[in-house]
Amino acid sequence: MSWTQYAIALLLFNALGALVVFRYSGLQFWLPLNPQAFVNVSPDSSFNSAVSFVNQYELARDTPANRP
């Protein structure tokens, strides 16, 4: 696998993961195992959660312990 194929696969995988998180949080009310009947998350909060899950590496890397 060349570096361009790897980069494309990485971007597609992250985009698909963000889309899945976005849709699941937007459909929360109708999903099974929701006994408390939580309402759907607003689209802006759902997008924020999806982007933060995709961007976990950057957030975890920038910790005080890793700074010079």
C-alpha atoms as a PDB file:
ATOM      1  CA  MET A   1       0.000   0.000   0.000  1.00  0.00           C
ATOM      2  CA  SER A   2       1.477   3.323  -1.024  1.00  0.00           C
ATOM      3  CA  TRP A   3       1.324   6.392   1.174  1.00  0.00           C
ATOM      4  CA  THR A   4      -1.388   7.957  -1.004  1.00  0.00           C
ATOM      5  CA  GLN A   5      -3.586   4.871  -0.730  1.00  0.00           C
ATOM      6  CA  TYR A   6      -3.008   4.837   3.016  1.00  0.00           C
ATOM      7  CA  ALA A   7      -3.890   8.529   3.343  1.00  0.00           C
ATOM      8  CA  ILE A   8      -7.081   8.094   1.322  1.00  0.00           C
ATOM      9  CA  ALA A   9      -8.088   5.032   3.350  1.00  0.00           C
ATOM     10  CA  LEU A  10      -7.416   6.880   6.608  1.00  0.00           C
ATOM     11  CA  LEU A  11      -9.501   9.886   5.557  1.00  0.00           C
ATOM     12  CA  LEU A  12     -12.373   7.711   4.334  1.00  0.00           C
ATOM     13  CA  PHE A  13     -12.360   5.631   7.510  1.00  0.00           C
ATOM     14  CA  ASN A  14     -12.430   8.750   9.699  1.00  0.00           C
ATOM     15  CA  ALA A  15     -15.178  10.334   7.595  1.00  0.00           C
ATOM     16  CA  LEU A  16     -17.275   7.170   7.821  1.00  0.00           C
ATOM     17  CA  GLY A  17     -16.752   6.998  11.590  1.00  0.00           C
ATOM     18  CA  ALA A  18     -17.765  10.634  12.007  1.00  0.00           C
ATOM     19  CA  LEU A  19     -20.878  10.050   9.911  1.00  0.00           C
ATOM     20  CA  VAL A  20     -21.867   7.008  12.004  1.00  0.00           C
ATOM     21  CA  VAL A  21     -21.460   8.900  15.287  1.00  0.00           C
ATOM     22  CA  PHE A  22     -23.358  11.871  13.853  1.00  0.00           C
ATOM     23  CA  ARG A  23     -26.289   9.705  12.730  1.00  0.00           C
ATOM     24  CA  TYR A  24     -26.481   7.604  15.907  1.00  0.00           C
ATOM     25  CA  SER A  25     -26.628  10.637  18.149  1.00  0.00           C
ATOM     26  CA  GLY A  26     -29.211  12.200  15.845  1.00  0.00           C
ATOM     27  CA  LEU A  27     -31.379   9.083  16.013  1.00  0.00           C
ATOM     28  CA  GLN A  28     -30.916   8.447  19.722  1.00  0.00           C
ATOM     29  CA  PHE A  29     -34.619   8.566  20.596  1.00  0.00           C
ATOM     30  CA  TRP A  30     -35.487   5.698  18.234  1.00  0.00           C
ATOM     31  CA  LEU A  31     -32.536   3.449  19.030  1.00  0.00           C
ATOM     32  CA  PRO A  32     -33.033   0.335  21.180  1.00  0.00           C
ATOM     33  CA  LEU A  33     -31.705   0.225  24.743  1.00  0.00           C
ATOM     34  CA  ASN A  34     -32.941   3.733  25.490  1.00  0.00           C
ATOM     35  CA  PRO A  35     -35.204   2.997  28.480  1.00  0.00           C
ATOM     36  CA  GLN A  36     -35.105   6.586  29.759  1.00  0.00           C
ATOM     37  CA  ALA A  37     -36.267   7.841  26.341  1.00  0.00           C
ATOM     38  CA  PHE A  38     -33.559  10.461  25.978  1.00  0.00           C
ATOM     39  CA  VAL A  39     -34.349  12.892  23.186  1.00  0.00           C
ATOM     40  CA  ASN A  40     -32.243  13.294  20.074  1.00  0.00           C
ATOM     41  CA  VAL A  41     -29.100  15.373  20.327  1.00  0.00           C
ATOM     42  CA  SER A  42     -29.226  18.673  18.437  1.00  0.00           C
ATOM     43  CA  PRO A  43     -27.426  18.657  15.077  1.00  0.00           C
ATOM     44  CA  ASP A  44     -24.714  21.070  16.208  1.00  0.00           C
ATOM     45  CA  SER A  45     -23.929  19.048  19.344  1.00  0.00           C
ATOM     46  CA  SER A  46     -24.019  15.850  17.306  1.00  0.00           C
ATOM     47  CA  PHE A  47     -21.540  17.294  14.807  1.00  0.00           C
ATOM     48  CA  ASN A  48     -19.296  18.510  17.637  1.00  0.00           C
ATOM     49  CA  SER A  49     -19.273  15.036  19.214  1.00  0.00           C
ATOM     50  CA  ALA A  50     -18.560  13.332  15.899  1.00  0.00           C
ATOM     51  CA  VAL A  51     -15.635  15.628  15.121  1.00  0.00           C
ATOM     52  CA  SER A  52     -14.200  15.245  18.617  1.00  0.00           C
ATOM     53  CA  PHE A  53     -14.296  11.440  18.349  1.00  0.00           C
ATOM     54  CA  VAL A  54     -12.469  11.550  15.021  1.00  0.00           C
ATOM     55  CA  ASN A  55      -9.931  14.000  16.423  1.00  0.00           C
ATOM     56  CA  GLN A  56      -9.104  12.079  19.629  1.00  0.00           C
ATOM     57  CA  TYR A  57      -5.470  11.546  18.663  1.00  0.00           C
ATOM     58  CA  GLU A  58      -4.741  15.244  18.458  1.00  0.00           C
ATOM     59  CA  LEU A  59      -6.482  15.934  21.755  1.00  0.00           C
ATOM     60  CA  ALA A  60      -4.689  13.106  23.554  1.00  0.00           C
ATOM     61  CA  ARG A  61      -1.298  14.034  22.149  1.00  0.00           C
ATOM     62  CA  ASP A  62      -1.405  17.625  23.433  1.00  0.00           C
ATOM     63  CA  THR A  63      -1.249  16.897  27.154  1.00  0.00           C
ATOM     64  CA  PRO A  64       0.941  18.673  29.712  1.00  0.00           C
ATOM     65  CA  ALA A  65       2.971  15.487  30.210  1.00  0.00           C
ATOM     66  CA  ASN A  66       3.927  15.454  26.498  1.00  0.00           C
ATOM     67  CA  ARG A  67       4.986  19.085  26.288  1.00  0.00           C
ATOM     68  CA  PRO A  68       8.698  19.914  26.380  1.00  0.00           C
END
